[in-house]
Amino acid sequence: MSVWVKICGITTLDDALFTAQAGADFIGLNFYPKSKRYISPESAATLVADIRAELGDSAPLMVGVFVNAVVSDISQIYHSAGLDGVQLSGDESDAILRELRGHSFKAIRPPNFALAQEDLAYFAPTFPADERLPSVLLDASVPGEYGGTGVPAEIELARWVRENVPRLMLAGGLTPDNVAERVDFIQPWGVDVASGVEGNVPGRKDPAKVEAFIRSAKGSR
């Protein structure tokens, strides 16, 4: 089966449209105010409505990315923006995933195998049943950061996580030049990229890089 591809940190309708037309399965919208790729809930709602009006049933799934937000705010944005899923990229507990009732998945950044094992044991009961969503997203461990760093996840650790979850989405340092090799070696269910398909402006995607990334990721199986 082809790898699912998430292009994260989309901030404009133009970027969303060419990303969708290039074959992305997910578009990630970042609601963390400190992120360089932040989008306001109001702008996100307009973007989601516009891309669905343009593309209909062929529109990618729209995923909101949150960091240590309160459940009421996440739920409100999920509904008002018309999201398909929620990615929790902070220090959220399993209780928060339960409150979101199967619409969410956790991003983890374990620095070693022992902590990866702890994370999976802790979050496994909250893996979404919806097979369109990843069980968990694995990113690189960078102290003080919540993703989007461009640092690659450790390969052997990623392989171990993939063997122990139904659907692993791999993030961290992926680019059009390395994604095929990492997909072949790790065999994730999906891949996630933000900075790896940008030019000099965070949040603005490079069409050629997006197209090359998706082609390389999906053509590697």
Foldseek 3Di string as FASTA:
>chain_A
DFAAEEAELAADLVQQVLLLVLPHQEYEAECEVVDLSHYHLVSLLVSLVVQCVVPPPSRHAYEYEDEPDDLVVVVVSCVSSVHQAYEYQYDDALVSLVVVPQRYEYEDADADLVVLVVVCVRNVVSQHPPPSDASYEYEHDDPPDRDPPLAAHDLVSLLVVQVVGPAYEYEHNDWLVCQLVSCLRRVGNHYYYFVRQPDDRGNDGDSVRSSSNSCSRRVSD
